[in-house]
Amino acid sequence: MAASGNGCVSMPSDRQMYLTLFDATEKAIDLLIQAQQACEELYISSSEPEAPPESPAEPPQAEQ
């Protein structure tokens, strides 16, 4: 907030706040997309495929 000449504090316009937030949101989404694509490239270009994680053993069933 900036003080105007008469000592009052002026609020930014709704449009200015919306555009600022929208611009930052677009940049964040673009950054996430770039990171995902980089990780996909690393995965695709890896020389050894990794084995999928083993599923945990099932608990023994109680006899009835």
Protein backbone atom coordinates (compact mmCIF):
# COMPACT_ATOMS: atom_id res chain seq x y z
CA MET A 1 0.00 0.00 0.00
CA ALA A 2 1.27 3.42 -0.85
CA ALA A 3 0.50 6.70 0.86
CA SER A 4 -1.06 9.33 -1.36
CA GLY A 5 -0.29 13.04 -1.14
CA ASN A 6 -3.09 13.67 1.37
CA GLY A 7 -1.81 11.08 3.87
CA CYS A 8 -4.35 8.41 2.98
CA VAL A 9 -3.19 4.94 2.15
CA SER A 10 -4.32 3.77 -1.29
CA MET A 11 -5.23 0.17 -1.96
CA PRO A 12 -4.13 -1.58 -5.17
CA SER A 13 -6.94 -2.19 -7.60
CA ASP A 14 -8.64 -5.58 -7.78
CA ARG A 15 -7.49 -5.86 -11.38
CA GLN A 16 -3.86 -5.24 -10.42
CA MET A 17 -4.02 -7.85 -7.64
CA TYR A 18 -5.75 -10.38 -9.92
CA LEU A 19 -3.20 -9.94 -12.71
CA THR A 20 -0.29 -10.20 -10.26
CA LEU A 21 -1.66 -13.43 -8.80
CA PHE A 22 -2.54 -14.83 -12.24
CA ASP A 23 0.98 -14.14 -13.55
CA ALA A 24 2.60 -15.81 -10.53
CA THR A 25 0.26 -18.82 -10.87
CA GLU A 26 1.18 -19.26 -14.54
CA LYS A 27 4.89 -19.10 -13.70
CA ALA A 28 4.46 -21.70 -10.94
CA ILE A 29 2.57 -24.07 -13.24
CA ASP A 30 5.21 -23.67 -15.97
CA LEU A 31 7.95 -24.43 -13.44
CA LEU A 32 6.16 -27.59 -12.26
CA ILE A 33 5.65 -28.75 -15.85
CA GLN A 34 9.35 -28.23 -16.61
CA ALA A 35 10.34 -30.20 -13.49
CA GLN A 36 7.98 -33.05 -14.41
CA GLN A 37 9.33 -33.19 -17.96
CA ALA A 38 12.92 -33.20 -16.69
CA CYS A 39 12.12 -36.09 -14.35
CA GLU A 40 10.40 -37.99 -17.16
CA GLU A 41 13.49 -37.54 -19.34
CA LEU A 42 15.73 -38.78 -16.54
CA TYR A 43 13.52 -41.82 -16.08
CA ILE A 44 13.36 -42.59 -19.81
CA SER A 45 17.10 -42.15 -20.30
CA SER A 46 18.14 -44.23 -17.29
CA SER A 47 20.25 -47.18 -18.38
CA GLU A 48 18.89 -49.70 -15.90
CA PRO A 49 15.17 -50.05 -15.38
CA GLU A 50 14.35 -50.14 -11.72
CA ALA A 51 12.32 -52.99 -10.30
CA PRO A 52 8.97 -51.93 -8.92
CA PRO A 53 8.79 -51.79 -5.14
CA GLU A 54 7.70 -55.00 -3.51
CA SER A 55 4.27 -55.04 -1.98
CA PRO A 56 4.18 -55.64 1.76
CA ALA A 57 3.48 -59.19 2.88
CA GLU A 58 -0.12 -59.90 3.73
CA PRO A 59 -0.78 -60.46 7.43
CA PRO A 60 -1.56 -64.07 8.37
CA GLN A 61 -5.23 -64.92 8.56
CA ALA A 62 -6.57 -65.91 11.97
CA GLU A 63 -8.02 -69.42 12.04
CA GLN A 64 -11.65 -69.65 13.03
